[in-house]
Structures are given as C-alpha cells and as structure tokens.
Amino acid sequence: QILLPFSTSYMCESAFSILEVTKTKKRSTLKDIES
C-alpha cells in the first residue's frame, strides 16, 4: 500500500510523456492514439 502510489504515478507520468512525444504538432490529426 505504501509502494503502490509511487509505481502508479510513475506509469502515468511516463504514459503522458510518450503521448506528448507521439502527438506532436505534425501528427496532431492522429485519431487512434490508443494503438
């Protein structure tokens, strides 16, 4: 229970960073981002 918040927040932060890199201005029309 003590360790869980750190690992889940890390996963969320890394997912957001990857999303930010993937969906750049040049690829802003990318609709199916889940794949």
PDB file of all heavy atoms in Angstrom:
ATOM      1  N   GLN A   1       0.832  -1.210   0.000  1.00  0.00           N
ATOM      2  CA  GLN A   1       0.000   0.000   0.000  1.00  0.00           C
ATOM      3  C   GLN A   1       0.864   1.256   0.000  1.00  0.00           C
ATOM      4  O   GLN A   1       0.481   2.281  -0.554  1.00  0.00           O
ATOM      5  CB  GLN A   1      -0.927   0.006   1.215  1.00  0.00           C
ATOM      6  CG  GLN A   1      -2.076  -0.955   1.114  1.00  0.00           C
ATOM      7  CD  GLN A   1      -2.903  -1.027   2.403  1.00  0.00           C
ATOM      8  OE1 GLN A   1      -2.455  -0.624   3.465  1.00  0.00           O
ATOM      9  NE2 GLN A   1      -4.098  -1.568   2.287  1.00  0.00           N
ATOM     10  N   ILE A   2       2.016   1.172   0.634  1.00  0.00           N
ATOM     11  CA  ILE A   2       2.937   2.315   0.656  1.00  0.00           C
ATOM     12  C   ILE A   2       3.634   2.468  -0.695  1.00  0.00           C
ATOM     13  O   ILE A   2       3.806   3.575  -1.196  1.00  0.00           O
ATOM     14  CB  ILE A   2       3.968   2.155   1.796  1.00  0.00           C
ATOM     15  CG1 ILE A   2       3.250   2.270   3.147  1.00  0.00           C
ATOM     16  CG2 ILE A   2       5.090   3.170   1.678  1.00  0.00           C
ATOM     17  CD1 ILE A   2       4.095   1.890   4.336  1.00  0.00           C
ATOM     18  N   LEU A   3       4.009   1.355  -1.315  1.00  0.00           N
ATOM     19  CA  LEU A   3       4.740   1.401  -2.582  1.00  0.00           C
ATOM     20  C   LEU A   3       3.862   1.693  -3.795  1.00  0.00           C
ATOM     21  O   LEU A   3       4.326   2.250  -4.787  1.00  0.00           O
ATOM     22  CB  LEU A   3       5.468   0.076  -2.808  1.00  0.00           C
ATOM     23  CG  LEU A   3       6.643  -0.218  -1.882  1.00  0.00           C
ATOM     24  CD1 LEU A   3       7.127  -1.639  -2.084  1.00  0.00           C
ATOM     25  CD2 LEU A   3       7.761   0.772  -2.115  1.00  0.00           C
ATOM     26  N   LEU A   4       2.600   1.336  -3.735  1.00  0.00           N
ATOM     27  CA  LEU A   4       1.714   1.435  -4.894  1.00  0.00           C
ATOM     28  C   LEU A   4       1.589   2.836  -5.483  1.00  0.00           C
ATOM     29  O   LEU A   4       1.684   2.994  -6.706  1.00  0.00           O
ATOM     30  CB  LEU A   4       0.333   0.875  -4.558  1.00  0.00           C
ATOM     31  CG  LEU A   4      -0.655   0.817  -5.708  1.00  0.00           C
ATOM     32  CD1 LEU A   4      -0.170  -0.166  -6.758  1.00  0.00           C
ATOM     33  CD2 LEU A   4      -2.030   0.430  -5.220  1.00  0.00           C
ATOM     34  N   PRO A   5       1.395   3.888  -4.701  1.00  0.00           N
ATOM     35  CA  PRO A   5       1.249   5.222  -5.320  1.00  0.00           C
ATOM     36  C   PRO A   5       2.456   5.650  -6.146  1.00  0.00           C
ATOM     37  O   PRO A   5       2.315   6.317  -7.158  1.00  0.00           O
ATOM     38  CB  PRO A   5       1.060   6.161  -4.129  1.00  0.00           C
ATOM     39  CG  PRO A   5       0.558   5.305  -3.041  1.00  0.00           C
ATOM     40  CD  PRO A   5       1.177   3.954  -3.260  1.00  0.00           C
ATOM     41  N   PHE A   6       3.655   5.236  -5.757  1.00  0.00           N
ATOM     42  CA  PHE A   6       4.842   5.646  -6.494  1.00  0.00           C
ATOM     43  C   PHE A   6       4.925   4.960  -7.845  1.00  0.00           C
ATOM     44  O   PHE A   6       5.232   5.585  -8.846  1.00  0.00           O
ATOM     45  CB  PHE A   6       6.101   5.370  -5.669  1.00  0.00           C
ATOM     46  CG  PHE A   6       6.135   6.152  -4.399  1.00  0.00           C
ATOM     47  CD1 PHE A   6       5.851   5.546  -3.200  1.00  0.00           C
ATOM     48  CD2 PHE A   6       6.420   7.510  -4.417  1.00  0.00           C
ATOM     49  CE1 PHE A   6       5.858   6.274  -2.025  1.00  0.00           C
ATOM     50  CE2 PHE A   6       6.424   8.246  -3.249  1.00  0.00           C
ATOM     51  CZ  PHE A   6       6.146   7.623  -2.057  1.00  0.00           C
ATOM     52  N   SER A   7       4.627   3.677  -7.884  1.00  0.00           N
ATOM     53  CA  SER A   7       4.717   2.969  -9.162  1.00  0.00           C
ATOM     54  C   SER A   7       3.608   3.395 -10.117  1.00  0.00           C
ATOM     55  O   SER A   7       3.837   3.559 -11.311  1.00  0.00           O
ATOM     56  CB  SER A   7       4.677   1.458  -8.935  1.00  0.00           C
ATOM     57  OG  SER A   7       3.471   1.086  -8.309  1.00  0.00           O
ATOM     58  N   THR A   8       2.408   3.609  -9.597  1.00  0.00           N
ATOM     59  CA  THR A   8       1.323   4.006 -10.491  1.00  0.00           C
ATOM     60  C   THR A   8       1.498   5.429 -10.990  1.00  0.00           C
ATOM     61  O   THR A   8       1.212   5.714 -12.148  1.00  0.00           O
ATOM     62  CB  THR A   8      -0.047   3.866  -9.801  1.00  0.00           C
ATOM     63  OG1 THR A   8      -0.037   4.571  -8.565  1.00  0.00           O
ATOM     64  CG2 THR A   8      -0.396   2.421  -9.557  1.00  0.00           C
ATOM     65  N   SER A   9       1.992   6.327 -10.155  1.00  0.00           N
ATOM     66  CA  SER A   9       2.216   7.696 -10.628  1.00  0.00           C
ATOM     67  C   SER A   9       3.344   7.721 -11.650  1.00  0.00           C
ATOM     68  O   SER A   9       3.297   8.473 -12.623  1.00  0.00           O
ATOM     69  CB  SER A   9       2.497   8.651  -9.476  1.00  0.00           C
ATOM     70  OG  SER A   9       3.675   8.298  -8.815  1.00  0.00           O
ATOM     71  N   TYR A  10       4.349   6.859 -11.484  1.00  0.00           N
ATOM     72  CA  TYR A  10       5.429   6.773 -12.466  1.00  0.00           C
ATOM     73  C   TYR A  10       4.874   6.292 -13.803  1.00  0.00           C
ATOM     74  O   TYR A  10       5.225   6.833 -14.858  1.00  0.00           O
ATOM     75  CB  TYR A  10       6.531   5.818 -11.977  1.00  0.00           C
ATOM     76  CG  TYR A  10       7.523   5.488 -13.053  1.00  0.00           C
ATOM     77  CD1 TYR A  10       8.512   6.416 -13.416  1.00  0.00           C
ATOM     78  CD2 TYR A  10       7.462   4.283 -13.730  1.00  0.00           C
ATOM     79  CE1 TYR A  10       9.413   6.125 -14.423  1.00  0.00           C
ATOM     80  CE2 TYR A  10       8.359   3.992 -14.738  1.00  0.00           C
ATOM     81  CZ  TYR A  10       9.330   4.915 -15.076  1.00  0.00           C
ATOM     82  OH  TYR A  10      10.224   4.625 -16.075  1.00  0.00           O
ATOM     83  N   MET A  11       4.016   5.294 -13.777  1.00  0.00           N
ATOM     84  CA  MET A  11       3.441   4.773 -15.010  1.00  0.00           C
ATOM     85  C   MET A  11       2.597   5.831 -15.711  1.00  0.00           C
ATOM     86  O   MET A  11       2.648   5.967 -16.937  1.00  0.00           O
ATOM     87  CB  MET A  11       2.620   3.515 -14.718  1.00  0.00           C
ATOM     88  CG  MET A  11       3.487   2.334 -14.333  1.00  0.00           C
ATOM     89  SD  MET A  11       2.633   0.913 -13.633  1.00  0.00           S
ATOM     90  CE  MET A  11       1.253   0.676 -14.675  1.00  0.00           C
ATOM     91  N   CYS A  12       1.823   6.577 -14.960  1.00  0.00           N
ATOM     92  CA  CYS A  12       1.007   7.642 -15.551  1.00  0.00           C
ATOM     93  C   CYS A  12       1.867   8.736 -16.157  1.00  0.00           C
ATOM     94  O   CYS A  12       1.589   9.215 -17.266  1.00  0.00           O
ATOM     95  CB  CYS A  12       0.077   8.239 -14.502  1.00  0.00           C
ATOM     96  SG  CYS A  12      -1.227   7.139 -13.982  1.00  0.00           S
ATOM     97  N   GLU A  13       2.910   9.130 -15.445  1.00  0.00           N
ATOM     98  CA  GLU A  13       3.805  10.172 -15.949  1.00  0.00           C
ATOM     99  C   GLU A  13       4.523   9.725 -17.212  1.00  0.00           C
ATOM    100  O   GLU A  13       4.656  10.491 -18.167  1.00  0.00           O
ATOM    101  CB  GLU A  13       4.831  10.573 -14.879  1.00  0.00           C
ATOM    102  CG  GLU A  13       4.248  11.301 -13.699  1.00  0.00           C
ATOM    103  CD  GLU A  13       3.762  12.699 -14.052  1.00  0.00           C
ATOM    104  OE1 GLU A  13       4.309  13.320 -14.981  1.00  0.00           O
ATOM    105  OE2 GLU A  13       2.833  13.162 -13.384  1.00  0.00           O
ATOM    106  N   SER A  14       4.988   8.480 -17.236  1.00  0.00           N
ATOM    107  CA  SER A  14       5.682   8.012 -18.436  1.00  0.00           C
ATOM    108  C   SER A  14       4.717   7.888 -19.603  1.00  0.00           C
ATOM    109  O   SER A  14       5.077   8.190 -20.745  1.00  0.00           O
ATOM    110  CB  SER A  14       6.399   6.688 -18.172  1.00  0.00           C
ATOM    111  OG  SER A  14       5.484   5.685 -17.836  1.00  0.00           O
ATOM    112  N   ALA A  15       3.478   7.462 -19.348  1.00  0.00           N
ATOM    113  CA  ALA A  15       2.480   7.378 -20.422  1.00  0.00           C
ATOM    114  C   ALA A  15       2.183   8.765 -20.977  1.00  0.00           C
ATOM    115  O   ALA A  15       2.065   8.946 -22.200  1.00  0.00           O
ATOM    116  CB  ALA A  15       1.203   6.727 -19.909  1.00  0.00           C
ATOM    117  N   PHE A  16       2.068   9.741 -20.114  1.00  0.00           N
ATOM    118  CA  PHE A  16       1.808  11.101 -20.575  1.00  0.00           C
ATOM    119  C   PHE A  16       2.975  11.635 -21.405  1.00  0.00           C
ATOM    120  O   PHE A  16       2.777  12.292 -22.425  1.00  0.00           O
ATOM    121  CB  PHE A  16       1.526  12.036 -19.396  1.00  0.00           C
ATOM    122  CG  PHE A  16       1.196  13.430 -19.830  1.00  0.00           C
ATOM    123  CD1 PHE A  16      -0.037  13.723 -20.380  1.00  0.00           C
ATOM    124  CD2 PHE A  16       2.134  14.448 -19.706  1.00  0.00           C
ATOM    125  CE1 PHE A  16      -0.347  15.011 -20.799  1.00  0.00           C
ATOM    126  CE2 PHE A  16       1.838  15.730 -20.119  1.00  0.00           C
ATOM    127  CZ  PHE A  16       0.593  16.013 -20.671  1.00  0.00           C
ATOM    128  N   SER A  17       4.197  11.339 -20.982  1.00  0.00           N
ATOM    129  CA  SER A  17       5.369  11.785 -21.738  1.00  0.00           C
ATOM    130  C   SER A  17       5.402  11.165 -23.123  1.00  0.00           C
ATOM    131  O   SER A  17       5.706  11.841 -24.110  1.00  0.00           O
ATOM    132  CB  SER A  17       6.651  11.427 -20.988  1.00  0.00           C
ATOM    133  OG  SER A  17       6.713  12.108 -19.778  1.00  0.00           O
ATOM    134  N   ILE A  18       5.079   9.871 -23.203  1.00  0.00           N
ATOM    135  CA  ILE A  18       5.052   9.196 -24.502  1.00  0.00           C
ATOM    136  C   ILE A  18       3.939   9.767 -25.369  1.00  0.00           C
ATOM    137  O   ILE A  18       4.113   9.967 -26.575  1.00  0.00           O
ATOM    138  CB  ILE A  18       4.916   7.673 -24.311  1.00  0.00           C
ATOM    139  CG1 ILE A  18       6.218   7.119 -23.748  1.00  0.00           C
ATOM    140  CG2 ILE A  18       4.559   6.985 -25.617  1.00  0.00           C
ATOM    141  CD1 ILE A  18       6.162   5.684 -23.334  1.00  0.00           C
ATOM    142  N   LEU A  19       2.802  10.061 -24.773  1.00  0.00           N
ATOM    143  CA  LEU A  19       1.702  10.678 -25.522  1.00  0.00           C
ATOM    144  C   LEU A  19       2.127  12.033 -26.076  1.00  0.00           C
ATOM    145  O   LEU A  19       1.845  12.367 -27.223  1.00  0.00           O
ATOM    146  CB  LEU A  19       0.477  10.837 -24.623  1.00  0.00           C
ATOM    147  CG  LEU A  19      -0.710  11.586 -25.225  1.00  0.00           C
ATOM    148  CD1 LEU A  19      -1.313  10.776 -26.368  1.00  0.00           C
ATOM    149  CD2 LEU A  19      -1.749  11.861 -24.160  1.00  0.00           C
ATOM    150  N   GLU A  20       2.829  12.795 -25.275  1.00  0.00           N
ATOM    151  CA  GLU A  20       3.280  14.126 -25.684  1.00  0.00           C
ATOM    152  C   GLU A  20       4.261  14.035 -26.859  1.00  0.00           C
ATOM    153  O   GLU A  20       4.212  14.838 -27.781  1.00  0.00           O
ATOM    154  CB  GLU A  20       3.937  14.817 -24.491  1.00  0.00           C
ATOM    155  CG  GLU A  20       4.155  16.279 -24.674  1.00  0.00           C
ATOM    156  CD  GLU A  20       4.681  16.909 -23.399  1.00  0.00           C
ATOM    157  OE1 GLU A  20       5.465  16.279 -22.679  1.00  0.00           O
ATOM    158  OE2 GLU A  20       4.286  18.058 -23.135  1.00  0.00           O
ATOM    159  N   VAL A  21       5.138  13.035 -26.827  1.00  0.00           N
ATOM    160  CA  VAL A  21       6.096  12.850 -27.913  1.00  0.00           C
ATOM    161  C   VAL A  21       5.390  12.338 -29.171  1.00  0.00           C
ATOM    162  O   VAL A  21       5.686  12.767 -30.277  1.00  0.00           O
ATOM    163  CB  VAL A  21       7.210  11.869 -27.485  1.00  0.00           C
ATOM    164  CG1 VAL A  21       8.048  11.430 -28.663  1.00  0.00           C
ATOM    165  CG2 VAL A  21       8.067  12.497 -26.412  1.00  0.00           C
ATOM    166  N   THR A  22       4.435  11.435 -28.990  1.00  0.00           N
ATOM    167  CA  THR A  22       3.738  10.832 -30.125  1.00  0.00           C
ATOM    168  C   THR A  22       2.845  11.831 -30.844  1.00  0.00           C
ATOM    169  O   THR A  22       2.809  11.883 -32.069  1.00  0.00           O
ATOM    170  CB  THR A  22       2.894   9.627 -29.658  1.00  0.00           C
ATOM    171  OG1 THR A  22       3.753   8.711 -28.983  1.00  0.00           O
ATOM    172  CG2 THR A  22       2.237   8.937 -30.814  1.00  0.00           C
ATOM    173  N   LYS A  23       2.125  12.609 -30.083  1.00  0.00           N
ATOM    174  CA  LYS A  23       1.156  13.519 -30.690  1.00  0.00           C
ATOM    175  C   LYS A  23       1.751  14.925 -30.770  1.00  0.00           C
ATOM    176  O   LYS A  23       1.409  15.819 -30.016  1.00  0.00           O
ATOM    177  CB  LYS A  23      -0.136  13.515 -29.879  1.00  0.00           C
ATOM    178  CG  LYS A  23      -1.315  14.019 -30.665  1.00  0.00           C
ATOM    179  CD  LYS A  23      -2.609  13.609 -30.040  1.00  0.00           C
ATOM    180  CE  LYS A  23      -3.740  14.097 -30.915  1.00  0.00           C
ATOM    181  NZ  LYS A  23      -5.009  13.643 -30.500  1.00  0.00           N
ATOM    182  N   THR A  24       2.636  15.104 -31.717  1.00  0.00           N
ATOM    183  CA  THR A  24       3.277  16.405 -31.919  1.00  0.00           C
ATOM    184  C   THR A  24       2.405  17.265 -32.821  1.00  0.00           C
ATOM    185  O   THR A  24       1.341  16.831 -33.273  1.00  0.00           O
ATOM    186  CB  THR A  24       4.662  16.214 -32.577  1.00  0.00           C
ATOM    187  OG1 THR A  24       4.466  15.568 -33.822  1.00  0.00           O
ATOM    188  CG2 THR A  24       5.580  15.399 -31.689  1.00  0.00           C
ATOM    189  N   LYS A  25       2.863  18.456 -33.121  1.00  0.00           N
ATOM    190  CA  LYS A  25       2.102  19.358 -33.997  1.00  0.00           C
ATOM    191  C   LYS A  25       1.916  18.749 -35.386  1.00  0.00           C
ATOM    192  O   LYS A  25       0.870  18.899 -36.002  1.00  0.00           O
ATOM    193  CB  LYS A  25       2.814  20.699 -34.127  1.00  0.00           C
ATOM    194  CG  LYS A  25       2.689  21.559 -32.901  1.00  0.00           C
ATOM    195  CD  LYS A  25       3.351  22.901 -33.119  1.00  0.00           C
ATOM    196  CE  LYS A  25       3.212  23.753 -31.869  1.00  0.00           C
ATOM    197  NZ  LYS A  25       3.824  25.064 -32.023  1.00  0.00           N
ATOM    198  N   LYS A  26       2.932  18.041 -35.857  1.00  0.00           N
ATOM    199  CA  LYS A  26       2.857  17.446 -37.189  1.00  0.00           C
ATOM    200  C   LYS A  26       1.904  16.258 -37.231  1.00  0.00           C
ATOM    201  O   LYS A  26       1.420  15.889 -38.279  1.00  0.00           O
ATOM    202  CB  LYS A  26       4.239  17.020 -37.660  1.00  0.00           C
ATOM    203  CG  LYS A  26       5.159  18.204 -37.882  1.00  0.00           C
ATOM    204  CD  LYS A  26       6.526  17.762 -38.290  1.00  0.00           C
ATOM    205  CE  LYS A  26       7.421  18.990 -38.459  1.00  0.00           C
ATOM    206  NZ  LYS A  26       8.791  18.632 -38.704  1.00  0.00           N
ATOM    207  N   ARG A  27       1.677  15.641 -36.074  1.00  0.00           N
ATOM    208  CA  ARG A  27       0.793  14.476 -36.021  1.00  0.00           C
ATOM    209  C   ARG A  27      -0.448  14.763 -35.195  1.00  0.00           C
ATOM    210  O   ARG A  27      -1.019  13.875 -34.590  1.00  0.00           O
ATOM    211  CB  ARG A  27       1.557  13.294 -35.425  1.00  0.00           C
ATOM    212  CG  ARG A  27       2.757  12.902 -36.254  1.00  0.00           C
ATOM    213  CD  ARG A  27       3.497  11.765 -35.644  1.00  0.00           C
ATOM    214  NE  ARG A  27       2.742  10.545 -35.793  1.00  0.00           N
ATOM    215  CZ  ARG A  27       3.071   9.408 -35.211  1.00  0.00           C
ATOM    216  NH1 ARG A  27       4.140   9.350 -34.451  1.00  0.00           N
ATOM    217  NH2 ARG A  27       2.351   8.331 -35.376  1.00  0.00           N
ATOM    218  N   SER A  28      -0.859  15.989 -35.159  1.00  0.00           N
ATOM    219  CA  SER A  28      -1.985  16.388 -34.311  1.00  0.00           C
ATOM    220  C   SER A  28      -3.318  15.805 -34.780  1.00  0.00           C
ATOM    221  O   SER A  28      -4.268  15.751 -34.017  1.00  0.00           O
ATOM    222  CB  SER A  28      -2.080  17.906 -34.232  1.00  0.00           C
ATOM    223  OG  SER A  28      -2.343  18.426 -35.506  1.00  0.00           O
ATOM    224  N   THR A  29      -3.406  15.380 -36.030  1.00  0.00           N
ATOM    225  CA  THR A  29      -4.665  14.810 -36.534  1.00  0.00           C
ATOM    226  C   THR A  29      -4.769  13.321 -36.262  1.00  0.00           C
ATOM    227  O   THR A  29      -5.739  12.690 -36.677  1.00  0.00           O
ATOM    228  CB  THR A  29      -4.798  15.050 -38.047  1.00  0.00           C
ATOM    229  OG1 THR A  29      -3.674  14.457 -38.701  1.00  0.00           O
ATOM    230  CG2 THR A  29      -4.877  16.539 -38.347  1.00  0.00           C
ATOM    231  N   LEU A  30      -3.798  12.774 -35.568  1.00  0.00           N
ATOM    232  CA  LEU A  30      -3.815  11.350 -35.235  1.00  0.00           C
ATOM    233  C   LEU A  30      -5.010  11.063 -34.334  1.00  0.00           C
ATOM    234  O   LEU A  30      -5.121  11.585 -33.236  1.00  0.00           O
ATOM    235  CB  LEU A  30      -2.507  10.997 -34.518  1.00  0.00           C
ATOM    236  CG  LEU A  30      -2.183   9.553 -34.282  1.00  0.00           C
ATOM    237  CD1 LEU A  30      -2.060   8.815 -35.608  1.00  0.00           C
ATOM    238  CD2 LEU A  30      -0.893   9.421 -33.502  1.00  0.00           C
ATOM    239  N   LYS A  31      -5.933  10.249 -34.832  1.00  0.00           N
ATOM    240  CA  LYS A  31      -7.179   9.983 -34.095  1.00  0.00           C
ATOM    241  C   LYS A  31      -7.060   8.758 -33.184  1.00  0.00           C
ATOM    242  O   LYS A  31      -7.442   8.787 -32.040  1.00  0.00           O
ATOM    243  CB  LYS A  31      -8.331   9.766 -35.076  1.00  0.00           C
ATOM    244  CG  LYS A  31      -8.578  10.948 -35.993  1.00  0.00           C
ATOM    245  CD  LYS A  31      -9.502  11.935 -35.350  1.00  0.00           C
ATOM    246  CE  LYS A  31      -9.949  12.963 -36.351  1.00  0.00           C
ATOM    247  NZ  LYS A  31      -9.453  14.261 -36.183  1.00  0.00           N
ATOM    248  N   ASP A  32      -6.551   7.667 -33.728  1.00  0.00           N
ATOM    249  CA  ASP A  32      -6.498   6.411 -32.976  1.00  0.00           C
ATOM    250  C   ASP A  32      -5.189   6.338 -32.189  1.00  0.00           C
ATOM    251  O   ASP A  32      -4.249   5.656 -32.568  1.00  0.00           O
ATOM    252  CB  ASP A  32      -6.631   5.224 -33.938  1.00  0.00           C
ATOM    253  CG  ASP A  32      -6.687   3.901 -33.196  1.00  0.00           C
ATOM    254  OD1 ASP A  32      -7.090   3.893 -32.022  1.00  0.00           O
ATOM    255  OD2 ASP A  32      -6.315   2.873 -33.798  1.00  0.00           O
ATOM    256  N   ILE A  33      -5.138   7.053 -31.087  1.00  0.00           N
ATOM    257  CA  ILE A  33      -3.916   7.135 -30.290  1.00  0.00           C
ATOM    258  C   ILE A  33      -3.725   5.911 -29.386  1.00  0.00           C
ATOM    259  O   ILE A  33      -2.625   5.612 -28.964  1.00  0.00           O
ATOM    260  CB  ILE A  33      -3.893   8.451 -29.477  1.00  0.00           C
ATOM    261  CG1 ILE A  33      -2.479   8.769 -28.967  1.00  0.00           C
ATOM    262  CG2 ILE A  33      -4.864   8.384 -28.324  1.00  0.00           C
ATOM    263  CD1 ILE A  33      -1.578   9.250 -30.030  1.00  0.00           C
ATOM    264  N   GLU A  34      -4.810   5.162 -29.114  1.00  0.00           N
ATOM    265  CA  GLU A  34      -4.716   4.012 -28.208  1.00  0.00           C
ATOM    266  C   GLU A  34      -3.731   2.973 -28.723  1.00  0.00           C
ATOM    267  O   GLU A  34      -2.928   2.431 -27.964  1.00  0.00           O
ATOM    268  CB  GLU A  34      -6.085   3.355 -27.988  1.00  0.00           C
ATOM    269  CG  GLU A  34      -7.056   4.190 -27.191  1.00  0.00           C
ATOM    270  CD  GLU A  34      -7.885   5.111 -28.067  1.00  0.00           C
ATOM    271  OE1 GLU A  34      -7.878   4.938 -29.303  1.00  0.00           O
ATOM    272  OE2 GLU A  34      -8.523   6.013 -27.520  1.00  0.00           O
ATOM    273  N   SER A  35      -3.796   2.676 -30.017  1.00  0.00           N
ATOM    274  CA  SER A  35      -2.891   1.675 -30.599  1.00  0.00           C
ATOM    275  C   SER A  35      -1.442   2.141 -30.510  1.00  0.00           C
ATOM    276  O   SER A  35      -0.549   1.355 -30.181  1.00  0.00           O
ATOM    277  CB  SER A  35      -3.249   1.412 -32.057  1.00  0.00           C
ATOM    278  OG  SER A  35      -4.573   0.968 -32.149  1.00  0.00           O
TER     279      SER A  35
END
